[in-house]
PDB file of all heavy atoms in Angstrom:
ATOM      1  N   THR A   1    -159.876 167.697 197.069  1.00  0.00           N
ATOM      2  CA  THR A   1    -158.744 167.579 196.149  1.00  0.00           C
ATOM      3  C   THR A   1    -157.721 168.673 196.406  1.00  0.00           C
ATOM      4  O   THR A   1    -158.048 169.756 196.925  1.00  0.00           O
ATOM      5  CB  THR A   1    -159.202 167.672 194.678  1.00  0.00           C
ATOM      6  OG1 THR A   1    -159.809 168.945 194.455  1.00  0.00           O
ATOM      7  CG2 THR A   1    -160.194 166.574 194.345  1.00  0.00           C
ATOM      8  N   CYS A   2    -156.488 168.387 196.037  1.00  0.00           N
ATOM      9  CA  CYS A   2    -155.444 169.416 196.039  1.00  0.00           C
ATOM     10  C   CYS A   2    -154.323 168.988 195.107  1.00  0.00           C
ATOM     11  O   CYS A   2    -154.225 167.819 194.713  1.00  0.00           O
ATOM     12  CB  CYS A   2    -154.918 169.692 197.448  1.00  0.00           C
ATOM     13  SG  CYS A   2    -153.871 168.409 198.134  1.00  0.00           S
ATOM     14  N   GLU A   3    -153.489 169.940 194.731  1.00  0.00           N
ATOM     15  CA  GLU A   3    -152.325 169.696 193.879  1.00  0.00           C
ATOM     16  C   GLU A   3    -151.068 170.058 194.666  1.00  0.00           C
ATOM     17  O   GLU A   3    -150.910 171.203 195.110  1.00  0.00           O
ATOM     18  CB  GLU A   3    -152.401 170.533 192.605  1.00  0.00           C
ATOM     19  CG  GLU A   3    -153.551 170.184 191.681  1.00  0.00           C
ATOM     20  CD  GLU A   3    -153.222 169.018 190.759  1.00  0.00           C
ATOM     21  OE1 GLU A   3    -152.028 168.670 190.666  1.00  0.00           O
ATOM     22  OE2 GLU A   3    -154.158 168.480 190.145  1.00  0.00           O
ATOM     23  N   LEU A   4    -150.192 169.105 194.852  1.00  0.00           N
ATOM     24  CA  LEU A   4    -148.931 169.362 195.545  1.00  0.00           C
ATOM     25  C   LEU A   4    -147.940 169.951 194.546  1.00  0.00           C
ATOM     26  O   LEU A   4    -147.665 169.359 193.504  1.00  0.00           O
ATOM     27  CB  LEU A   4    -148.375 168.065 196.133  1.00  0.00           C
ATOM     28  CG  LEU A   4    -149.318 167.240 197.015  1.00  0.00           C
ATOM     29  CD1 LEU A   4    -148.584 166.030 197.581  1.00  0.00           C
ATOM     30  CD2 LEU A   4    -149.922 168.084 198.126  1.00  0.00           C
ATOM     31  N   GLU A   5    -147.412 171.119 194.859  1.00  0.00           N
ATOM     32  CA  GLU A   5    -146.458 171.797 193.972  1.00  0.00           C
ATOM     33  C   GLU A   5    -145.066 171.199 194.193  1.00  0.00           C
ATOM     34  O   GLU A   5    -144.260 171.704 194.962  1.00  0.00           O
ATOM     35  CB  GLU A   5    -146.461 173.298 194.260  1.00  0.00           C
ATOM     36  CG  GLU A   5    -147.797 173.984 194.045  1.00  0.00           C
ATOM     37  CD  GLU A   5    -148.191 174.047 192.574  1.00  0.00           C
ATOM     38  OE1 GLU A   5    -147.286 173.936 191.709  1.00  0.00           O
ATOM     39  OE2 GLU A   5    -149.394 174.215 192.294  1.00  0.00           O
ATOM     40  N   VAL A   6    -144.781 170.117 193.481  1.00  0.00           N
ATOM     41  CA  VAL A   6    -143.563 169.348 193.743  1.00  0.00           C
ATOM     42  C   VAL A   6    -142.386 169.789 192.894  1.00  0.00           C
ATOM     43  O   VAL A   6    -141.244 169.374 193.132  1.00  0.00           O
ATOM     44  CB  VAL A   6    -143.828 167.846 193.525  1.00  0.00           C
ATOM     45  CG1 VAL A   6    -144.938 167.362 194.441  1.00  0.00           C
ATOM     46  CG2 VAL A   6    -144.179 167.555 192.066  1.00  0.00           C
ATOM     47  N   GLY A   7    -142.617 170.635 191.873  1.00  0.00           N
ATOM     48  CA  GLY A   7    -141.524 171.103 191.027  1.00  0.00           C
ATOM     49  C   GLY A   7    -140.848 169.955 190.296  1.00  0.00           C
ATOM     50  O   GLY A   7    -141.500 169.109 189.695  1.00  0.00           O
ATOM     51  N   ASP A   8    -139.515 169.906 190.367  1.00  0.00           N
ATOM     52  CA  ASP A   8    -138.736 168.875 189.683  1.00  0.00           C
ATOM     53  C   ASP A   8    -138.344 167.724 190.607  1.00  0.00           C
ATOM     54  O   ASP A   8    -137.462 166.925 190.270  1.00  0.00           O
ATOM     55  CB  ASP A   8    -137.471 169.483 189.081  1.00  0.00           C
ATOM     56  CG  ASP A   8    -137.775 170.490 187.984  1.00  0.00           C
ATOM     57  OD1 ASP A   8    -138.727 170.232 187.218  1.00  0.00           O
ATOM     58  OD2 ASP A   8    -137.081 171.519 187.901  1.00  0.00           O
ATOM     59  N   ALA A   9    -138.960 167.637 191.772  1.00  0.00           N
ATOM     60  CA  ALA A   9    -138.617 166.578 192.730  1.00  0.00           C
ATOM     61  C   ALA A   9    -138.776 165.204 192.088  1.00  0.00           C
ATOM     62  O   ALA A   9    -139.717 164.963 191.325  1.00  0.00           O
ATOM     63  CB  ALA A   9    -139.503 166.678 193.963  1.00  0.00           C
ATOM     64  N   PHE A  10    -137.842 164.296 192.391  1.00  0.00           N
ATOM     65  CA  PHE A  10    -137.919 162.947 191.836  1.00  0.00           C
ATOM     66  C   PHE A  10    -138.928 162.095 192.606  1.00  0.00           C
ATOM     67  O   PHE A  10    -139.677 161.319 192.018  1.00  0.00           O
ATOM     68  CB  PHE A  10    -136.548 162.262 191.895  1.00  0.00           C
ATOM     69  CG  PHE A  10    -136.576 160.848 191.396  1.00  0.00           C
ATOM     70  CD1 PHE A  10    -136.644 160.568 190.045  1.00  0.00           C
ATOM     71  CD2 PHE A  10    -136.545 159.776 192.294  1.00  0.00           C
ATOM     72  CE1 PHE A  10    -136.687 159.256 189.580  1.00  0.00           C
ATOM     73  CE2 PHE A  10    -136.589 158.468 191.841  1.00  0.00           C
ATOM     74  CZ  PHE A  10    -136.658 158.204 190.481  1.00  0.00           C
ATOM     75  N   ARG A  11    -138.992 162.275 193.933  1.00  0.00           N
ATOM     76  CA  ARG A  11    -139.869 161.461 194.766  1.00  0.00           C
ATOM     77  C   ARG A  11    -140.503 162.332 195.842  1.00  0.00           C
ATOM     78  O   ARG A  11    -139.823 163.148 196.461  1.00  0.00           O
ATOM     79  CB  ARG A  11    -139.098 160.309 195.414  1.00  0.00           C
ATOM     80  CG  ARG A  11    -139.957 159.303 196.182  1.00  0.00           C
ATOM     81  CD  ARG A  11    -139.074 158.200 196.753  1.00  0.00           C
ATOM     82  NE  ARG A  11    -139.836 157.107 197.314  1.00  0.00           N
ATOM     83  CZ  ARG A  11    -140.336 157.082 198.549  1.00  0.00           C
ATOM     84  NH1 ARG A  11    -140.132 158.123 199.351  1.00  0.00           N
ATOM     85  NH2 ARG A  11    -141.009 156.035 198.990  1.00  0.00           N
ATOM     86  N   VAL A  12    -141.806 162.146 196.047  1.00  0.00           N
ATOM     87  CA  VAL A  12    -142.549 162.879 197.064  1.00  0.00           C
ATOM     88  C   VAL A  12    -143.233 161.875 197.976  1.00  0.00           C
ATOM     89  O   VAL A  12    -143.824 160.901 197.517  1.00  0.00           O
ATOM     90  CB  VAL A  12    -143.603 163.817 196.432  1.00  0.00           C
ATOM     91  CG1 VAL A  12    -144.429 164.512 197.505  1.00  0.00           C
ATOM     92  CG2 VAL A  12    -142.929 164.847 195.547  1.00  0.00           C
ATOM     93  N   GLU A  13    -143.122 162.118 199.287  1.00  0.00           N
ATOM     94  CA  GLU A  13    -143.773 161.268 200.278  1.00  0.00           C
ATOM     95  C   GLU A  13    -144.800 162.111 201.028  1.00  0.00           C
ATOM     96  O   GLU A  13    -144.532 163.270 201.346  1.00  0.00           O
ATOM     97  CB  GLU A  13    -142.729 160.708 201.238  1.00  0.00           C
ATOM     98  CG  GLU A  13    -143.227 159.594 202.138  1.00  0.00           C
ATOM     99  CD  GLU A  13    -142.092 158.944 202.925  1.00  0.00           C
ATOM    100  OE1 GLU A  13    -140.919 159.251 202.631  1.00  0.00           O
ATOM    101  OE2 GLU A  13    -142.388 158.145 203.823  1.00  0.00           O
ATOM    102  N   TYR A  14    -145.974 161.533 201.325  1.00  0.00           N
ATOM    103  CA  TYR A  14    -147.008 162.364 201.952  1.00  0.00           C
ATOM    104  C   TYR A  14    -148.000 161.537 202.756  1.00  0.00           C
ATOM    105  O   TYR A  14    -148.116 160.312 202.594  1.00  0.00           O
ATOM    106  CB  TYR A  14    -147.750 163.183 200.899  1.00  0.00           C
ATOM    107  CG  TYR A  14    -148.483 162.397 199.842  1.00  0.00           C
ATOM    108  CD1 TYR A  14    -149.839 162.109 199.952  1.00  0.00           C
ATOM    109  CD2 TYR A  14    -147.821 161.948 198.692  1.00  0.00           C
ATOM    110  CE1 TYR A  14    -150.509 161.406 198.976  1.00  0.00           C
ATOM    111  CE2 TYR A  14    -148.482 161.249 197.704  1.00  0.00           C
ATOM    112  CZ  TYR A  14    -149.827 160.971 197.848  1.00  0.00           C
ATOM    113  OH  TYR A  14    -150.492 160.267 196.876  1.00  0.00           O
ATOM    114  N   ALA A  15    -148.707 162.245 203.650  1.00  0.00           N
ATOM    115  CA  ALA A  15    -149.791 161.682 204.450  1.00  0.00           C
ATOM    116  C   ALA A  15    -150.946 162.676 204.432  1.00  0.00           C
ATOM    117  O   ALA A  15    -150.738 163.889 204.328  1.00  0.00           O
ATOM    118  CB  ALA A  15    -149.339 161.407 205.877  1.00  0.00           C
ATOM    119  N   ILE A  16    -152.167 162.163 204.532  1.00  0.00           N
ATOM    120  CA  ILE A  16    -153.379 162.977 204.428  1.00  0.00           C
ATOM    121  C   ILE A  16    -154.031 163.066 205.805  1.00  0.00           C
ATOM    122  O   ILE A  16    -154.067 162.072 206.545  1.00  0.00           O
ATOM    123  CB  ILE A  16    -154.355 162.347 203.414  1.00  0.00           C
ATOM    124  CG1 ILE A  16    -153.659 162.167 202.059  1.00  0.00           C
ATOM    125  CG2 ILE A  16    -155.611 163.190 203.269  1.00  0.00           C
ATOM    126  CD1 ILE A  16    -154.373 161.192 201.151  1.00  0.00           C
ATOM    127  N   PHE A  17    -154.545 164.241 206.145  1.00  0.00           N
ATOM    128  CA  PHE A  17    -155.206 164.404 207.446  1.00  0.00           C
ATOM    129  C   PHE A  17    -156.544 165.109 207.274  1.00  0.00           C
ATOM    130  O   PHE A  17    -156.792 165.800 206.277  1.00  0.00           O
ATOM    131  CB  PHE A  17    -154.319 165.194 208.412  1.00  0.00           C
ATOM    132  CG  PHE A  17    -154.135 166.642 208.056  1.00  0.00           C
ATOM    133  CD1 PHE A  17    -155.050 167.613 208.458  1.00  0.00           C
ATOM    134  CD2 PHE A  17    -153.038 167.052 207.316  1.00  0.00           C
ATOM    135  CE1 PHE A  17    -154.888 168.946 208.128  1.00  0.00           C
ATOM    136  CE2 PHE A  17    -152.863 168.387 206.976  1.00  0.00           C
ATOM    137  CZ  PHE A  17    -153.782 169.337 207.385  1.00  0.00           C
ATOM    138  N   ALA A  18    -157.402 164.924 208.267  1.00  0.00           N
ATOM    139  CA  ALA A  18    -158.676 165.638 208.353  1.00  0.00           C
ATOM    140  C   ALA A  18    -158.884 166.040 209.804  1.00  0.00           C
ATOM    141  O   ALA A  18    -158.746 165.209 210.716  1.00  0.00           O
ATOM    142  CB  ALA A  18    -159.829 164.778 207.867  1.00  0.00           C
ATOM    143  N   ASP A  19    -159.175 167.299 210.027  1.00  0.00           N
ATOM    144  CA  ASP A  19    -159.433 167.802 211.368  1.00  0.00           C
ATOM    145  C   ASP A  19    -160.922 167.680 211.674  1.00  0.00           C
ATOM    146  O   ASP A  19    -161.759 168.257 210.979  1.00  0.00           O
ATOM    147  CB  ASP A  19    -158.977 169.258 211.494  1.00  0.00           C
ATOM    148  CG  ASP A  19    -157.466 169.383 211.469  1.00  0.00           C
ATOM    149  OD1 ASP A  19    -156.795 168.434 211.926  1.00  0.00           O
ATOM    150  OD2 ASP A  19    -156.956 170.412 210.993  1.00  0.00           O
ATOM    151  N   THR A  20    -161.246 166.926 212.713  1.00  0.00           N
ATOM    152  CA  THR A  20    -162.631 166.680 213.106  1.00  0.00           C
ATOM    153  C   THR A  20    -162.844 167.157 214.537  1.00  0.00           C
ATOM    154  O   THR A  20    -161.872 167.427 215.262  1.00  0.00           O
ATOM    155  CB  THR A  20    -162.961 165.188 213.008  1.00  0.00           C
ATOM    156  OG1 THR A  20    -162.333 164.493 214.096  1.00  0.00           O
ATOM    157  CG2 THR A  20    -162.468 164.598 211.688  1.00  0.00           C
ATOM    158  N   PRO A  21    -164.085 167.247 214.990  1.00  0.00           N
ATOM    159  CA  PRO A  21    -164.338 167.642 216.388  1.00  0.00           C
ATOM    160  C   PRO A  21    -163.681 166.702 217.394  1.00  0.00           C
ATOM    161  O   PRO A  21    -163.388 167.107 218.519  1.00  0.00           O
ATOM    162  CB  PRO A  21    -165.872 167.575 216.484  1.00  0.00           C
ATOM    163  CG  PRO A  21    -166.350 167.825 215.091  1.00  0.00           C
ATOM    164  CD  PRO A  21    -165.335 167.165 214.206  1.00  0.00           C
ATOM    165  N   GLU A  22    -163.451 165.438 217.022  1.00  0.00           N
ATOM    166  CA  GLU A  22    -162.820 164.485 217.934  1.00  0.00           C
ATOM    167  C   GLU A  22    -161.299 164.480 217.811  1.00  0.00           C
ATOM    168  O   GLU A  22    -160.623 163.736 218.504  1.00  0.00           O
ATOM    169  CB  GLU A  22    -163.345 163.075 217.667  1.00  0.00           C
ATOM    170  CG  GLU A  22    -164.754 162.809 218.182  1.00  0.00           C
ATOM    171  CD  GLU A  22    -165.810 163.519 217.349  1.00  0.00           C
ATOM    172  OE1 GLU A  22    -165.606 163.651 216.114  1.00  0.00           O
ATOM    173  OE2 GLU A  22    -166.824 163.960 217.924  1.00  0.00           O
ATOM    174  N   GLY A  23    -160.758 165.294 216.901  1.00  0.00           N
ATOM    175  CA  GLY A  23    -159.324 165.336 216.725  1.00  0.00           C
ATOM    176  C   GLY A  23    -158.929 165.056 215.285  1.00  0.00           C
ATOM    177  O   GLY A  23    -159.773 164.897 214.407  1.00  0.00           O
ATOM    178  N   ARG A  24    -157.653 164.994 215.040  1.00  0.00           N
ATOM    179  CA  ARG A  24    -157.129 164.796 213.687  1.00  0.00           C
ATOM    180  C   ARG A  24    -157.073 163.306 213.361  1.00  0.00           C
ATOM    181  O   ARG A  24    -156.575 162.504 214.151  1.00  0.00           O
ATOM    182  CB  ARG A  24    -155.755 165.432 213.559  1.00  0.00           C
ATOM    183  CG  ARG A  24    -155.083 165.231 212.209  1.00  0.00           C
ATOM    184  CD  ARG A  24    -153.872 166.133 212.043  1.00  0.00           C
ATOM    185  NE  ARG A  24    -154.262 167.520 211.808  1.00  0.00           N
ATOM    186  CZ  ARG A  24    -153.397 168.491 211.478  1.00  0.00           C
ATOM    187  NH1 ARG A  24    -152.105 168.216 211.364  1.00  0.00           N
ATOM    188  NH2 ARG A  24    -153.827 169.714 211.289  1.00  0.00           N
ATOM    189  N   ILE A  25    -157.580 162.937 212.169  1.00  0.00           N
ATOM    190  CA  ILE A  25    -157.479 161.572 211.680  1.00  0.00           C
ATOM    191  C   ILE A  25    -156.561 161.562 210.458  1.00  0.00           C
ATOM    192  O   ILE A  25    -156.431 162.569 209.761  1.00  0.00           O
ATOM    193  CB  ILE A  25    -158.853 160.962 211.338  1.00  0.00           C
ATOM    194  CG1 ILE A  25    -159.593 161.809 210.279  1.00  0.00           C
ATOM    195  CG2 ILE A  25    -159.698 160.825 212.584  1.00  0.00           C
ATOM    196  CD1 ILE A  25    -160.914 161.208 209.841  1.00  0.00           C
ATOM    197  N   TRP A  26    -155.941 160.395 210.220  1.00  0.00           N
ATOM    198  CA  TRP A  26    -154.917 160.315 209.183  1.00  0.00           C
ATOM    199  C   TRP A  26    -155.188 159.173 208.208  1.00  0.00           C
ATOM    200  O   TRP A  26    -155.759 158.144 208.577  1.00  0.00           O
ATOM    201  CB  TRP A  26    -153.539 160.076 209.815  1.00  0.00           C
ATOM    202  CG  TRP A  26    -152.986 161.230 210.571  1.00  0.00           C
ATOM    203  CD1 TRP A  26    -153.178 161.512 211.904  1.00  0.00           C
ATOM    204  CD2 TRP A  26    -152.157 162.276 210.059  1.00  0.00           C
ATOM    205  NE1 TRP A  26    -152.503 162.660 212.243  1.00  0.00           N
ATOM    206  CE2 TRP A  26    -151.873 163.149 211.134  1.00  0.00           C
ATOM    207  CE3 TRP A  26    -151.638 162.558 208.790  1.00  0.00           C
ATOM    208  CZ2 TRP A  26    -151.082 164.276 210.976  1.00  0.00           C
ATOM    209  CZ3 TRP A  26    -150.840 163.678 208.637  1.00  0.00           C
ATOM    210  CH2 TRP A  26    -150.575 164.533 209.721  1.00  0.00           C
ATOM    211  N   ASP A  27    -154.729 159.354 206.984  1.00  0.00           N
ATOM    212  CA  ASP A  27    -154.515 158.275 206.031  1.00  0.00           C
ATOM    213  C   ASP A  27    -153.058 158.370 205.615  1.00  0.00           C
ATOM    214  O   ASP A  27    -152.685 159.231 204.799  1.00  0.00           O
ATOM    215  CB  ASP A  27    -155.441 158.397 204.814  1.00  0.00           C
ATOM    216  CG  ASP A  27    -155.185 157.309 203.766  1.00  0.00           C
ATOM    217  OD1 ASP A  27    -154.217 156.539 203.941  1.00  0.00           O
ATOM    218  OD2 ASP A  27    -155.931 157.244 202.780  1.00  0.00           O
ATOM    219  N   ASN A  28    -152.241 157.533 206.213  1.00  0.00           N
ATOM    220  CA  ASN A  28    -150.797 157.545 205.908  1.00  0.00           C
ATOM    221  C   ASN A  28    -150.346 156.202 205.352  1.00  0.00           C
ATOM    222  O   ASN A  28    -149.234 155.752 205.603  1.00  0.00           O
ATOM    223  CB  ASN A  28    -149.987 157.921 207.146  1.00  0.00           C
ATOM    224  CG  ASN A  28    -150.191 156.939 208.293  1.00  0.00           C
ATOM    225  OD1 ASN A  28    -150.924 155.949 208.155  1.00  0.00           O
ATOM    226  ND2 ASN A  28    -149.558 157.201 209.421  1.00  0.00           N
ATOM    227  N   ASN A  29    -151.249 155.562 204.582  1.00  0.00           N
ATOM    228  CA  ASN A  29    -150.936 154.272 203.963  1.00  0.00           C
ATOM    229  C   ASN A  29    -150.526 153.252 205.015  1.00  0.00           C
ATOM    230  O   ASN A  29    -149.551 152.534 204.863  1.00  0.00           O
ATOM    231  CB  ASN A  29    -149.851 154.425 202.899  1.00  0.00           C
ATOM    232  CG  ASN A  29    -149.752 153.207 201.992  1.00  0.00           C
ATOM    233  OD1 ASN A  29    -150.742 152.524 201.734  1.00  0.00           O
ATOM    234  ND2 ASN A  29    -148.547 152.930 201.516  1.00  0.00           N
ATOM    235  N   PHE A  30    -151.286 153.240 206.132  1.00  0.00           N
ATOM    236  CA  PHE A  30    -151.105 152.268 207.204  1.00  0.00           C
ATOM    237  C   PHE A  30    -149.698 152.306 207.799  1.00  0.00           C
ATOM    238  O   PHE A  30    -149.086 151.280 208.077  1.00  0.00           O
ATOM    239  CB  PHE A  30    -151.447 150.863 206.696  1.00  0.00           C
ATOM    240  CG  PHE A  30    -152.828 150.767 206.117  1.00  0.00           C
ATOM    241  CD1 PHE A  30    -153.030 150.932 204.748  1.00  0.00           C
ATOM    242  CD2 PHE A  30    -153.927 150.566 206.929  1.00  0.00           C
ATOM    243  CE1 PHE A  30    -154.313 150.868 204.206  1.00  0.00           C
ATOM    244  CE2 PHE A  30    -155.214 150.517 206.394  1.00  0.00           C
ATOM    245  CZ  PHE A  30    -155.401 150.658 205.040  1.00  0.00           C
ATOM    246  N   GLY A  31    -149.206 153.545 207.944  1.00  0.00           N
ATOM    247  CA  GLY A  31    -147.936 153.746 208.620  1.00  0.00           C
ATOM    248  C   GLY A  31    -146.732 153.857 207.717  1.00  0.00           C
ATOM    249  O   GLY A  31    -145.640 154.211 208.184  1.00  0.00           O
ATOM    250  N   SER A  32    -146.870 153.574 206.431  1.00  0.00           N
ATOM    251  CA  SER A  32    -145.711 153.635 205.535  1.00  0.00           C
ATOM    252  C   SER A  32    -145.741 154.840 204.606  1.00  0.00           C
ATOM    253  O   SER A  32    -144.859 154.979 203.754  1.00  0.00           O
ATOM    254  CB  SER A  32    -145.614 152.344 204.706  1.00  0.00           C
ATOM    255  OG  SER A  32    -146.811 152.122 203.980  1.00  0.00           O
ATOM    256  N   ASN A  33    -146.747 155.713 204.741  1.00  0.00           N
ATOM    257  CA  ASN A  33    -146.911 156.928 203.942  1.00  0.00           C
ATOM    258  C   ASN A  33    -147.147 156.615 202.459  1.00  0.00           C
ATOM    259  O   ASN A  33    -146.732 155.578 201.936  1.00  0.00           O
ATOM    260  CB  ASN A  33    -145.712 157.870 204.070  1.00  0.00           C
ATOM    261  CG  ASN A  33    -145.647 158.516 205.435  1.00  0.00           C
ATOM    262  OD1 ASN A  33    -146.662 158.710 206.096  1.00  0.00           O
ATOM    263  ND2 ASN A  33    -144.443 158.858 205.874  1.00  0.00           N
ATOM    264  N   HIS A  34    -147.851 157.529 201.820  1.00  0.00           N
ATOM    265  CA  HIS A  34    -148.028 157.459 200.369  1.00  0.00           C
ATOM    266  C   HIS A  34    -146.800 158.074 199.700  1.00  0.00           C
ATOM    267  O   HIS A  34    -146.091 158.881 200.303  1.00  0.00           O
ATOM    268  CB  HIS A  34    -149.277 158.240 199.953  1.00  0.00           C
ATOM    269  CG  HIS A  34    -150.543 157.706 200.551  1.00  0.00           C
ATOM    270  ND1 HIS A  34    -151.140 156.541 200.123  1.00  0.00           N
ATOM    271  CD2 HIS A  34    -151.323 158.186 201.555  1.00  0.00           C
ATOM    272  CE1 HIS A  34    -152.241 156.329 200.832  1.00  0.00           C
ATOM    273  NE2 HIS A  34    -152.381 157.296 201.700  1.00  0.00           N
ATOM    274  N   HIS A  35    -146.569 157.698 198.463  1.00  0.00           N
ATOM    275  CA  HIS A  35    -145.474 158.317 197.740  1.00  0.00           C
ATOM    276  C   HIS A  35    -145.813 158.397 196.262  1.00  0.00           C
ATOM    277  O   HIS A  35    -146.654 157.666 195.742  1.00  0.00           O
ATOM    278  CB  HIS A  35    -144.161 157.553 197.946  1.00  0.00           C
ATOM    279  CG  HIS A  35    -144.114 156.221 197.251  1.00  0.00           C
ATOM    280  ND1 HIS A  35    -144.530 155.053 197.845  1.00  0.00           N
ATOM    281  CD2 HIS A  35    -143.713 155.874 196.003  1.00  0.00           C
ATOM    282  CE1 HIS A  35    -144.391 154.054 196.996  1.00  0.00           C
ATOM    283  NE2 HIS A  35    -143.896 154.525 195.864  1.00  0.00           N
ATOM    284  N   CYS A  36    -145.150 159.315 195.590  1.00  0.00           N
ATOM    285  CA  CYS A  36    -145.292 159.501 194.157  1.00  0.00           C
ATOM    286  C   CYS A  36    -143.918 159.886 193.625  1.00  0.00           C
ATOM    287  O   CYS A  36    -143.245 160.740 194.227  1.00  0.00           O
ATOM    288  CB  CYS A  36    -146.326 160.594 193.869  1.00  0.00           C
ATOM    289  SG  CYS A  36    -146.770 160.767 192.132  1.00  0.00           S
ATOM    290  N   ARG A  37    -143.499 159.269 192.546  1.00  0.00           N
ATOM    291  CA  ARG A  37    -142.148 159.558 192.049  1.00  0.00           C
ATOM    292  C   ARG A  37    -142.117 159.550 190.528  1.00  0.00           C
ATOM    293  O   ARG A  37    -143.044 159.103 189.868  1.00  0.00           O
ATOM    294  CB  ARG A  37    -141.141 158.544 192.588  1.00  0.00           C
ATOM    295  CG  ARG A  37    -141.321 157.122 192.087  1.00  0.00           C
ATOM    296  CD  ARG A  37    -140.207 156.238 192.631  1.00  0.00           C
ATOM    297  NE  ARG A  37    -140.310 154.850 192.236  1.00  0.00           N
ATOM    298  CZ  ARG A  37    -139.854 154.360 191.090  1.00  0.00           C
ATOM    299  NH1 ARG A  37    -139.273 155.174 190.208  1.00  0.00           N
ATOM    300  NH2 ARG A  37    -139.970 153.084 190.804  1.00  0.00           N
ATOM    301  N   ARG A  38    -141.023 160.065 190.010  1.00  0.00           N
ATOM    302  CA  ARG A  38    -140.809 160.061 188.562  1.00  0.00           C
ATOM    303  C   ARG A  38    -140.501 158.647 188.083  1.00  0.00           C
ATOM    304  O   ARG A  38    -140.082 157.790 188.855  1.00  0.00           O
ATOM    305  CB  ARG A  38    -139.631 160.966 188.194  1.00  0.00           C
ATOM    306  CG  ARG A  38    -139.717 162.368 188.728  1.00  0.00           C
ATOM    307  CD  ARG A  38    -140.683 163.214 187.955  1.00  0.00           C
ATOM    308  NE  ARG A  38    -140.752 164.553 188.517  1.00  0.00           N
ATOM    309  CZ  ARG A  38    -141.644 165.461 188.153  1.00  0.00           C
ATOM    310  NH1 ARG A  38    -142.541 165.168 187.216  1.00  0.00           N
ATOM    311  NH2 ARG A  38    -141.656 166.651 188.704  1.00  0.00           N
ATOM    312  N   HIS A  39    -140.674 158.454 186.788  1.00  0.00           N
ATOM    313  CA  HIS A  39    -140.264 157.198 186.193  1.00  0.00           C
ATOM    314  C   HIS A  39    -138.741 157.112 186.185  1.00  0.00           C
ATOM    315  O   HIS A  39    -138.052 158.086 185.895  1.00  0.00           O
ATOM    316  CB  HIS A  39    -140.784 157.090 184.761  1.00  0.00           C
ATOM    317  CG  HIS A  39    -142.252 156.814 184.691  1.00  0.00           C
ATOM    318  ND1 HIS A  39    -142.776 155.549 184.750  1.00  0.00           N
ATOM    319  CD2 HIS A  39    -143.307 157.659 184.584  1.00  0.00           C
ATOM    320  CE1 HIS A  39    -144.094 155.616 184.672  1.00  0.00           C
ATOM    321  NE2 HIS A  39    -144.444 156.871 184.561  1.00  0.00           N
ATOM    322  N   SER A  40    -138.225 155.945 186.496  1.00  0.00           N
ATOM    323  CA  SER A  40    -136.787 155.724 186.382  1.00  0.00           C
ATOM    324  C   SER A  40    -136.407 155.595 184.911  1.00  0.00           C
ATOM    325  O   SER A  40    -137.260 155.359 184.046  1.00  0.00           O
ATOM    326  CB  SER A  40    -136.388 154.453 187.141  1.00  0.00           C
ATOM    327  OG  SER A  40    -136.727 154.546 188.503  1.00  0.00           O
ATOM    328  N   LEU A  41    -135.113 155.747 184.634  1.00  0.00           N
ATOM    329  CA  LEU A  41    -134.612 155.563 183.274  1.00  0.00           C
ATOM    330  C   LEU A  41    -134.884 154.121 182.832  1.00  0.00           C
ATOM    331  O   LEU A  41    -134.578 153.172 183.552  1.00  0.00           O
ATOM    332  CB  LEU A  41    -133.109 155.844 183.227  1.00  0.00           C
ATOM    333  CG  LEU A  41    -132.454 155.726 181.853  1.00  0.00           C
ATOM    334  CD1 LEU A  41    -132.896 156.882 180.967  1.00  0.00           C
ATOM    335  CD2 LEU A  41    -130.933 155.722 182.000  1.00  0.00           C
TER     336      LEU A  41
END
């Protein structure tokens, strides 16, 4: 787990990685990245 210190940002885009002996593996929402944003008005 971790907490991204996003402050007052309206939208955050991110990808997750893990470093393994065979190299870095990713979860990037199948190429479109994960995102988290504020509620719109």
